[in-house]
Amino acid sequence: MARIYPFRALRYNSSQVRLADVVTQPYDKISPALQQAYYQRSPYNLVRIILGLPELFDQPGDAASDIYARAAGDFASWRRNGILAQENEPSIFAYAQRFAVPSTAGDGEPETLVERRGLIALGHLHDYADGVVFRHEQTLAKPKSDRLNLLRTTRAHFGQLFMLYSDPANTIESLIFTDGAAPEMEVTDDYGVLHRVWRISDPAVIRLVTAEMADRKLIIADGHHRYETALAYAREHAPETMATPHESSPTALPAPPWPEAAAMMTFVNMDSDGLVILPTHRVVHSLAHFDAAVFFDQAKHAFELKQLDTNDTSALLAQLGADRADTTSFLAITTGGATLLTLKPEISSAALAALSPRQQQLDVVRLHTLVLEELLGLTPEDIRQQTHLRYLRDADEAMAQVRTGQADIAFLVRPITLEQLREVAFAGEVMPQKSTDFYPKLLSGLTIYALD
């Protein structure tokens, strides 16, 4: 069962700071330019904690003078000085995001304005083997090490994990959203997304919501690295013996068995409107002796090749999107231009044969198996460690890195569908790293869960 809990959130004090100056995108979506912009907005911007800049006299390995120590120091100082204030009572939060859907097909269609709704609460950290929380993609080694260092020094969760649940009747949303109620927090982010948050402290409503969530299974949409980091930290701090719970009052609100056993999450109904998945493109760099002509000659065995006569990103994505949905297609970008690769139907691979039928049909799986590994020679460990490989949402940026010599070849892909994700996750399987990119992201810093 999915256990969720209300919590006494830390929140930015609106009398001391302006919310737009201090909240951020999730750490892994903060570019160097955005990081600098956040630094300039406020001395209390959350980037200084979740993605601090190194300083001149930092000593490698010196725990007293590194980004994690500064993050912990800033966090403690902001709490002492009232920049961050803690709620008096346990609460959950209704969270709505209104946004224009970015075009991924370059079709020139006007952007559609939609709203995605969710619930912010603590969620119990379950082992995957429990059959409650399901992942859908592999993780990378470096981000988990970084996030664990930050969690150990600050002992707080600053952003929410993005979790999906199924609720065709929309019961939970109907409990937490009230028409006409003014939000307690409202902010527009760097991408024009309007974020609004309502606090819910009514114990009766909280108990109804926790009871409704109890029989749900959860899929991690965004935050696999942070989920696995939090789970590892929970294991580190699990008590050797659990205290016998006292007779609880019928009116008592649920709470984690120990503070580290839960993390802050936003729960979104996968049966409601507003779920948008964008593609994450692959950029391959620093290969020894890469030769585009040799690559395409080898690719002819498995793929039909079609040289495209445009370098316009929108036109290229439109052609990729127009290709048959029942075929595997992606664009290969080299200094010589763009080539559409479409898998020949008769092609088989021993590596693909080892995967389930549902995995074998995924474009991103075929790209990793047949191209990145078999043609370009990247090993699974290379991919886990991000050796020779970058992941980019922006197709223009991926193409620019090839044109400017920062990359050897880029692959533009179509997005995974929600149904594909759901089937893979509930089957207990995983796709390659960075297979999905849910848009928009959940803002970090709206609420904070402090373990102490």
Protein backbone atom coordinates (compact mmCIF):
# COMPACT_ATOMS: atom_id res chain seq x y z
CA MET A 1 0.00 0.00 0.00
CA ALA A 2 1.15 3.56 -0.68
CA ARG A 3 1.57 5.36 2.62
CA ILE A 4 1.51 9.15 2.57
CA TYR A 5 1.87 11.56 5.47
CA PRO A 6 1.20 15.25 6.20
CA PHE A 7 4.22 17.22 7.39
CA ARG A 8 5.20 20.51 8.98
CA ALA A 9 6.77 22.07 5.92
CA LEU A 10 9.48 24.68 5.91
CA ARG A 11 8.50 27.50 3.57
CA TYR A 12 10.11 30.73 2.44
CA ASN A 13 8.95 33.66 4.57
CA SER A 14 7.06 35.98 2.22
CA SER A 15 7.79 38.97 4.47
CA GLN A 16 11.53 38.47 3.90
CA VAL A 17 11.84 37.28 0.31
CA ARG A 18 9.88 37.25 -2.95
CA LEU A 19 9.02 33.68 -3.95
CA ALA A 20 9.97 34.24 -7.62
CA ASP A 21 13.50 35.17 -6.51
CA VAL A 22 14.20 32.03 -4.53
CA VAL A 23 12.54 28.94 -6.05
CA THR A 24 14.25 26.94 -8.82
CA GLN A 25 13.92 24.21 -11.38
CA PRO A 26 15.06 20.75 -10.15
CA TYR A 27 18.85 20.53 -9.79
CA ASP A 28 19.35 18.38 -12.90
CA LYS A 29 17.51 20.89 -15.11
CA ILE A 30 19.58 23.90 -14.04
CA SER A 31 21.96 24.90 -16.83
CA PRO A 32 25.14 26.88 -16.03
CA ALA A 33 23.45 30.04 -17.36
CA LEU A 34 20.36 29.47 -15.22
CA GLN A 35 22.54 28.69 -12.21
CA GLN A 36 24.25 32.09 -12.58
CA ALA A 37 20.88 33.80 -13.01
CA TYR A 38 19.58 32.21 -9.82
CA TYR A 39 22.67 33.33 -7.91
CA GLN A 40 22.08 36.91 -9.02
CA ARG A 41 18.38 36.96 -8.08
CA SER A 42 18.78 36.59 -4.33
CA PRO A 43 21.32 35.61 -1.69
CA TYR A 44 18.61 33.21 -0.49
CA ASN A 45 17.93 31.50 -3.81
CA LEU A 46 17.68 27.75 -3.27
CA VAL A 47 20.31 27.08 -5.95
CA ARG A 48 22.95 27.94 -3.34
CA ILE A 49 21.88 24.81 -1.48
CA ILE A 50 20.83 22.33 -4.18
CA LEU A 51 23.47 23.23 -6.80
CA GLY A 52 26.07 25.49 -5.25
CA LEU A 53 28.98 26.91 -7.22
CA PRO A 54 32.52 25.91 -6.20
CA GLU A 55 34.63 28.68 -4.72
CA LEU A 56 38.25 29.66 -5.28
CA PHE A 57 39.76 28.19 -2.12
CA ASP A 58 37.75 24.96 -2.02
CA GLN A 59 39.98 22.01 -1.17
CA PRO A 60 39.08 18.66 -2.77
CA GLY A 61 38.19 16.20 -0.04
CA ASP A 62 37.97 18.90 2.65
CA ALA A 63 34.47 18.46 4.07
CA ALA A 64 34.70 21.81 5.88
CA SER A 65 35.10 23.86 2.70
CA ASP A 66 33.05 22.40 -0.10
CA ILE A 67 29.69 22.99 -1.74
CA TYR A 68 27.92 20.56 0.60
CA ALA A 69 29.25 22.17 3.77
CA ARG A 70 28.23 25.60 2.47
CA ALA A 71 24.78 24.26 1.60
CA ALA A 72 24.31 22.97 5.16
CA GLY A 73 25.59 26.24 6.61
CA ASP A 74 23.28 28.36 4.47
CA PHE A 75 20.31 26.15 5.28
CA ALA A 76 20.93 26.41 9.03
CA SER A 77 21.45 30.17 8.79
CA TRP A 78 18.28 30.76 6.79
CA ARG A 79 16.27 28.83 9.38
CA ARG A 80 17.82 30.75 12.29
CA ASN A 81 17.21 34.11 10.63
CA GLY A 82 13.61 33.43 9.65
CA ILE A 83 14.16 33.30 5.90
CA LEU A 84 12.60 29.84 6.13
CA ALA A 85 9.72 29.35 8.58
CA GLN A 86 8.15 26.09 9.70
CA GLU A 87 4.42 25.45 9.62
CA ASN A 88 2.74 25.06 13.02
CA GLU A 89 0.66 22.04 12.01
CA PRO A 90 1.01 19.06 9.69
CA SER A 91 -0.40 19.76 6.25
CA ILE A 92 -0.64 18.50 2.72
CA PHE A 93 -0.75 20.77 -0.33
CA ALA A 94 -2.73 21.00 -3.56
CA TYR A 95 -0.38 21.97 -6.42
CA ALA A 96 -1.49 23.18 -9.87
CA GLN A 97 0.70 24.03 -12.86
CA ARG A 98 -0.75 25.91 -15.86
CA PHE A 99 1.39 25.86 -18.98
CA ALA A 100 1.59 25.87 -22.74
CA VAL A 101 2.54 22.51 -24.23
CA PRO A 102 5.79 22.83 -26.22
CA SER A 103 5.62 21.51 -29.76
CA THR A 104 7.85 18.45 -30.35
CA ALA A 105 6.92 17.86 -33.96
CA GLY A 106 7.73 21.23 -35.45
CA ASP A 107 4.26 21.36 -36.96
CA GLY A 108 3.66 25.04 -36.33
CA GLU A 109 0.47 24.34 -34.41
CA PRO A 110 -0.40 26.92 -31.73
CA GLU A 111 0.56 25.96 -28.20
CA THR A 112 -2.25 24.52 -26.07
CA LEU A 113 -2.76 25.83 -22.53
CA VAL A 114 -3.36 23.03 -20.03
CA GLU A 115 -3.28 22.48 -16.26
CA ARG A 116 -1.68 19.63 -14.35
CA ARG A 117 -2.80 19.04 -10.77
CA GLY A 118 -1.09 17.20 -7.98
CA LEU A 119 -0.82 16.58 -4.24
CA ILE A 120 2.30 17.44 -2.22
CA ALA A 121 2.83 15.22 0.83
CA LEU A 122 5.41 12.90 2.31
CA GLY A 123 5.54 9.48 0.74
CA HIS A 124 6.90 6.33 2.35
CA LEU A 125 10.12 5.07 0.75
CA HIS A 126 9.41 1.52 -0.36
CA ASP A 127 11.88 -0.97 -1.77
CA TYR A 128 11.01 -1.77 -5.37
CA ALA A 129 10.56 -5.40 -4.30
CA ASP A 130 7.57 -4.35 -2.17
CA GLY A 131 5.51 -3.86 -5.33
CA VAL A 132 4.28 -0.41 -4.28
CA VAL A 133 6.71 1.97 -6.02
CA PHE A 134 7.78 1.20 -9.58
CA ARG A 135 10.59 2.77 -11.56
CA HIS A 136 10.62 3.04 -15.34
CA GLU A 137 14.23 3.86 -16.23
CA GLN A 138 17.80 3.09 -15.26
CA THR A 139 19.77 5.55 -13.12
CA LEU A 140 23.25 7.08 -13.43
CA ALA A 141 26.00 6.77 -10.84
CA LYS A 142 27.19 10.39 -10.53
CA PRO A 143 23.88 12.08 -9.67
CA LYS A 144 23.14 9.60 -6.87
CA SER A 145 26.51 10.21 -5.21
CA ASP A 146 26.02 13.97 -5.44
CA ARG A 147 22.49 13.91 -4.01
CA LEU A 148 23.48 11.58 -1.17
CA ASN A 149 26.27 13.97 -0.14
CA LEU A 150 23.79 16.84 -0.07
CA LEU A 151 21.19 14.87 1.89
CA ARG A 152 23.75 13.75 4.47
CA THR A 153 24.98 17.28 5.15
CA THR A 154 21.68 19.19 5.07
CA ARG A 155 19.31 16.45 6.28
CA ALA A 156 16.47 17.90 4.24
CA HIS A 157 14.52 17.34 1.03
CA PHE A 158 14.20 20.55 -1.00
CA GLY A 159 12.29 19.30 -4.05
CA GLN A 160 9.49 16.84 -4.56
CA LEU A 161 9.75 13.49 -6.25
CA PHE A 162 7.23 13.29 -9.11
CA MET A 163 5.00 10.23 -8.64
CA LEU A 164 2.14 8.89 -10.76
CA TYR A 165 -0.92 7.01 -9.48
CA SER A 166 -4.13 5.82 -11.12
CA ASP A 167 -7.47 7.32 -10.14
CA PRO A 168 -9.95 7.21 -13.05
CA ALA A 169 -12.73 8.65 -10.86
CA ASN A 170 -10.54 11.65 -9.93
CA THR A 171 -11.46 11.14 -6.28
CA ILE A 172 -8.30 12.55 -4.72
CA GLU A 173 -8.24 15.74 -6.79
CA SER A 174 -11.88 16.39 -5.86
CA LEU A 175 -10.92 16.22 -2.17
CA ILE A 176 -8.08 18.74 -2.30
CA PHE A 177 -9.05 21.30 -4.95
CA THR A 178 -11.76 23.85 -4.15
CA ASP A 179 -13.03 26.14 -6.89
CA GLY A 180 -12.43 29.81 -6.20
CA ALA A 181 -10.02 29.37 -3.28
CA ALA A 182 -7.08 31.78 -3.38
CA PRO A 183 -3.67 30.05 -3.46
CA GLU A 184 -1.18 30.60 -0.65
CA MET A 185 1.70 30.53 -3.13
CA GLU A 186 1.71 31.69 -6.73
CA VAL A 187 4.72 32.11 -8.99
CA THR A 188 5.58 32.02 -12.70
CA ASP A 189 8.82 30.25 -13.55
CA ASP A 190 11.49 30.84 -16.21
CA TYR A 191 9.50 28.90 -18.81
CA GLY A 192 6.25 30.80 -18.32
CA VAL A 193 4.64 28.06 -16.20
CA LEU A 194 2.24 29.32 -13.54
CA HIS A 195 2.60 27.40 -10.25
CA ARG A 196 -0.08 27.69 -7.55
CA VAL A 197 -0.18 25.96 -4.16
CA TRP A 198 -2.94 25.64 -1.52
CA ARG A 199 -2.23 24.38 2.02
CA ILE A 200 -4.64 21.83 3.52
CA SER A 201 -4.45 21.33 7.28
CA ASP A 202 -7.97 20.05 7.98
CA PRO A 203 -7.38 16.65 9.69
CA ALA A 204 -10.61 15.21 8.28
CA VAL A 205 -9.55 15.96 4.70
CA ILE A 206 -6.04 14.67 5.33
CA ARG A 207 -7.37 11.38 6.70
CA LEU A 208 -9.67 10.98 3.69
CA VAL A 209 -6.80 11.60 1.27
CA THR A 210 -4.39 9.24 3.02
CA ALA A 211 -7.07 6.54 3.06
CA GLU A 212 -7.79 7.02 -0.65
CA MET A 213 -4.08 6.79 -1.50
CA ALA A 214 -3.57 3.63 0.55
CA ASP A 215 -4.47 1.14 -2.19
CA ARG A 216 -2.60 2.93 -5.01
CA LYS A 217 0.54 1.80 -6.75
CA LEU A 218 3.05 4.49 -7.68
CA ILE A 219 5.30 5.03 -10.69
CA ILE A 220 8.28 7.37 -10.43
CA ALA A 221 7.83 9.90 -13.24
CA ASP A 222 10.77 12.16 -12.35
CA GLY A 223 13.32 11.79 -9.59
CA HIS A 224 14.66 8.23 -9.88
CA HIS A 225 18.09 9.32 -8.63
CA ARG A 226 16.68 11.22 -5.66
CA TYR A 227 14.28 8.38 -4.83
CA GLU A 228 17.07 5.79 -4.73
CA THR A 229 19.28 8.22 -2.79
CA ALA A 230 16.53 8.83 -0.22
CA LEU A 231 15.87 5.09 0.03
CA ALA A 232 19.56 4.40 0.70
CA TYR A 233 19.58 7.13 3.35
CA ALA A 234 16.45 5.70 4.97
CA ARG A 235 18.18 2.33 5.23
CA GLU A 236 21.22 3.97 6.84
CA HIS A 237 19.03 5.45 9.56
CA ALA A 238 16.51 2.68 10.11
CA PRO A 239 16.30 1.82 13.82
CA GLU A 240 17.49 -1.66 14.75
CA THR A 241 14.21 -2.29 16.52
CA MET A 242 10.99 -0.45 15.95
CA ALA A 243 9.28 0.92 19.03
CA THR A 244 5.90 -0.60 19.78
CA PRO A 245 3.37 1.99 18.64
CA HIS A 246 1.12 3.43 21.31
CA GLU A 247 -2.62 3.01 21.02
CA SER A 248 -3.36 5.71 18.44
CA SER A 249 -6.34 8.00 18.65
CA PRO A 250 -8.93 7.68 15.87
CA THR A 251 -8.21 11.33 15.11
CA ALA A 252 -4.41 10.96 15.00
CA LEU A 253 -2.74 11.83 11.71
CA PRO A 254 -0.32 9.33 10.17
CA ALA A 255 3.41 9.96 10.50
CA PRO A 256 6.57 8.22 9.20
CA PRO A 257 7.96 5.50 11.50
CA TRP A 258 11.24 7.45 11.52
CA PRO A 259 11.97 10.79 9.78
CA GLU A 260 14.23 9.38 7.06
CA ALA A 261 11.63 6.75 6.07
CA ALA A 262 9.76 9.28 3.92
CA ALA A 263 10.55 11.88 1.29
CA MET A 264 8.62 14.81 -0.10
CA MET A 265 6.61 13.87 -3.19
CA THR A 266 4.06 15.29 -5.60
CA PHE A 267 1.43 12.73 -6.60
CA VAL A 268 -0.25 13.22 -10.00
CA ASN A 269 -3.15 11.20 -11.35
CA MET A 270 -2.02 9.55 -14.60
CA ASP A 271 -5.67 9.29 -15.68
CA SER A 272 -6.17 13.07 -15.66
CA ASP A 273 -5.28 15.72 -18.21
CA GLY A 274 -2.03 17.64 -18.25
CA LEU A 275 0.60 14.90 -18.40
CA VAL A 276 3.10 15.81 -21.12
CA ILE A 277 6.17 13.70 -21.96
CA LEU A 278 8.88 15.25 -24.11
CA PRO A 279 11.74 13.36 -25.79
CA THR A 280 15.29 13.41 -24.45
CA HIS A 281 17.81 13.45 -27.27
CA ARG A 282 21.20 11.69 -27.22
CA VAL A 283 24.48 13.46 -28.03
CA VAL A 284 27.61 11.32 -28.50
CA HIS A 285 31.01 12.97 -28.15
CA SER A 286 34.77 12.35 -27.86
CA LEU A 287 34.75 9.04 -29.73
CA ALA A 288 38.12 7.81 -30.98
CA HIS A 289 38.31 8.05 -34.79
CA PHE A 290 34.61 8.66 -35.43
CA ASP A 291 33.84 8.72 -39.14
CA ALA A 292 30.29 9.56 -40.23
CA ALA A 293 30.65 7.80 -43.60
CA VAL A 294 31.79 4.59 -41.91
CA PHE A 295 28.95 4.84 -39.37
CA PHE A 296 26.27 5.19 -42.05
CA ASP A 297 27.79 2.40 -44.11
CA GLN A 298 27.55 0.07 -41.11
CA ALA A 299 24.05 1.33 -40.26
CA LYS A 300 22.73 0.28 -43.69
CA HIS A 301 22.59 -3.33 -42.48
CA ALA A 302 19.79 -2.60 -40.00
CA PHE A 303 18.29 0.71 -41.13
CA GLU A 304 16.83 2.38 -44.17
CA LEU A 305 18.69 5.69 -44.57
CA LYS A 306 17.15 8.86 -45.96
CA GLN A 307 19.24 12.00 -46.27
CA LEU A 308 17.09 15.05 -45.49
CA ASP A 309 17.60 18.29 -47.40
CA THR A 310 17.03 20.70 -44.54
CA ASN A 311 18.82 21.73 -41.37
CA ASP A 312 15.78 23.48 -39.92
CA THR A 313 15.00 21.84 -36.59
CA SER A 314 11.22 22.27 -36.85
CA ALA A 315 11.13 20.75 -40.32
CA LEU A 316 13.30 17.83 -39.22
CA LEU A 317 11.17 17.08 -36.17
CA ALA A 318 8.06 17.30 -38.34
CA GLN A 319 9.46 14.65 -40.68
CA LEU A 320 10.42 12.45 -37.73
CA GLY A 321 6.95 12.83 -36.22
CA ALA A 322 5.30 12.06 -39.55
CA ASP A 323 7.10 8.72 -39.93
CA ARG A 324 4.96 5.67 -39.25
CA ALA A 325 4.21 5.14 -35.57
CA ASP A 326 4.66 1.35 -35.92
CA THR A 327 8.26 1.73 -37.08
CA THR A 328 11.37 2.69 -35.16
CA SER A 329 12.78 5.95 -36.47
CA PHE A 330 15.18 8.60 -35.27
CA LEU A 331 17.34 11.32 -36.78
CA ALA A 332 21.12 11.11 -36.90
CA ILE A 333 22.76 14.56 -37.00
CA THR A 334 26.35 14.87 -38.22
CA THR A 335 28.37 17.71 -39.72
CA GLY A 336 27.14 16.44 -43.10
CA GLY A 337 23.48 17.07 -42.24
CA ALA A 338 20.50 15.08 -41.03
CA THR A 339 19.66 11.46 -41.88
CA LEU A 340 16.43 9.66 -41.04
CA LEU A 341 17.12 6.11 -39.82
CA THR A 342 14.18 3.70 -40.01
CA LEU A 343 14.65 0.16 -38.73
CA LYS A 344 14.17 -2.60 -41.29
CA PRO A 345 11.33 -4.90 -40.13
CA GLU A 346 13.31 -8.10 -40.67
CA ILE A 347 16.22 -7.07 -38.46
CA SER A 348 16.81 -9.08 -35.32
CA SER A 349 19.48 -8.78 -32.66
CA ALA A 350 20.67 -11.13 -29.95
CA ALA A 351 20.79 -8.18 -27.55
CA LEU A 352 17.20 -7.23 -28.35
CA ALA A 353 16.05 -10.87 -28.16
CA ALA A 354 17.10 -10.93 -24.51
CA LEU A 355 14.54 -8.21 -23.74
CA SER A 356 10.79 -8.52 -23.30
CA PRO A 357 8.54 -7.92 -26.35
CA ARG A 358 7.31 -4.62 -24.87
CA GLN A 359 10.90 -3.39 -24.49
CA GLN A 360 11.89 -4.53 -27.97
CA GLN A 361 9.30 -2.20 -29.53
CA LEU A 362 10.62 1.00 -27.92
CA ASP A 363 12.57 3.44 -30.12
CA VAL A 364 14.89 4.44 -27.30
CA VAL A 365 15.73 0.79 -26.47
CA ARG A 366 16.54 0.05 -30.10
CA LEU A 367 18.66 3.19 -30.31
CA HIS A 368 20.68 2.21 -27.26
CA THR A 369 21.02 -1.45 -28.24
CA LEU A 370 21.52 -1.35 -31.99
CA VAL A 371 23.26 2.01 -32.39
CA LEU A 372 24.94 3.24 -29.21
CA GLU A 373 26.17 -0.18 -28.15
CA GLU A 374 26.50 -2.28 -31.33
CA LEU A 375 27.50 0.37 -33.88
CA LEU A 376 29.28 2.97 -31.75
CA GLY A 377 30.72 0.57 -29.18
CA LEU A 378 29.49 2.24 -25.99
CA THR A 379 29.26 -0.20 -23.11
CA PRO A 380 26.45 -0.22 -20.54
CA GLU A 381 29.00 1.12 -18.06
CA ASP A 382 29.89 3.98 -20.44
CA ILE A 383 26.20 4.88 -20.55
CA ARG A 384 25.75 4.61 -16.77
CA GLN A 385 28.76 6.86 -16.20
CA GLN A 386 27.77 9.24 -19.04
CA THR A 387 31.08 8.61 -20.78
CA HIS A 388 30.83 9.92 -24.36
CA LEU A 389 27.11 10.61 -23.88
CA ARG A 390 24.97 13.64 -23.04
CA TYR A 391 21.19 13.92 -22.69
CA LEU A 392 19.46 17.05 -23.99
CA ARG A 393 15.82 18.10 -24.22
CA ASP A 394 16.55 20.89 -26.69
CA ALA A 395 16.97 19.60 -30.27
CA ASP A 396 18.51 22.90 -31.41
CA GLU A 397 21.19 22.60 -28.74
CA ALA A 398 21.90 18.98 -29.69
CA MET A 399 22.36 19.97 -33.34
CA ALA A 400 24.49 22.98 -32.40
CA GLN A 401 26.90 20.80 -30.43
CA VAL A 402 27.53 18.72 -33.56
CA ARG A 403 27.96 21.78 -35.79
CA THR A 404 30.44 23.40 -33.39
CA GLY A 405 32.53 20.27 -32.93
CA GLN A 406 31.47 19.60 -29.33
CA ALA A 407 29.92 16.29 -30.39
CA ASP A 408 30.48 13.64 -33.05
CA ILE A 409 26.84 12.74 -33.69
CA ALA A 410 23.43 13.46 -32.15
CA PHE A 411 20.26 11.38 -32.24
CA LEU A 412 16.88 13.10 -32.13
CA VAL A 413 14.12 10.80 -30.91
CA ARG A 414 10.35 10.72 -30.55
CA PRO A 415 8.84 10.80 -27.03
CA ILE A 416 7.80 7.72 -25.09
CA THR A 417 4.03 7.49 -24.61
CA LEU A 418 2.39 7.31 -21.19
CA GLU A 419 0.94 3.90 -22.06
CA GLN A 420 4.39 2.55 -22.94
CA LEU A 421 5.79 3.89 -19.67
CA ARG A 422 2.92 2.40 -17.67
CA GLU A 423 3.29 -1.05 -19.25
CA VAL A 424 7.05 -1.17 -18.73
CA ALA A 425 6.93 0.08 -15.14
CA PHE A 426 4.14 -2.19 -13.89
CA ALA A 427 5.87 -5.15 -15.54
CA GLY A 428 8.86 -4.46 -13.26
CA GLU A 429 11.08 -3.50 -16.19
CA VAL A 430 13.18 -0.41 -16.88
CA MET A 431 14.00 1.60 -19.96
CA PRO A 432 17.38 3.23 -20.63
CA GLN A 433 18.42 6.25 -18.61
CA LYS A 434 16.66 9.52 -19.44
CA SER A 435 13.97 7.86 -21.57
CA THR A 436 11.31 10.36 -20.52
CA ASP A 437 11.14 14.08 -19.83
CA PHE A 438 7.94 15.12 -18.10
CA TYR A 439 7.04 18.76 -18.69
CA PRO A 440 6.84 21.04 -16.81
CA LYS A 441 9.10 20.31 -13.87
CA LEU A 442 8.06 20.63 -10.23
CA LEU A 443 9.58 23.71 -8.66
CA SER A 444 12.08 23.18 -5.85
CA GLY A 445 11.68 25.30 -2.73
CA LEU A 446 7.90 25.61 -2.61
CA THR A 447 7.95 23.34 0.44
CA ILE A 448 10.90 21.78 2.27
CA TYR A 449 10.96 18.65 4.44
CA ALA A 450 13.56 18.99 7.21
CA LEU A 451 14.48 15.76 8.98
CA ASP A 452 15.57 17.61 12.13
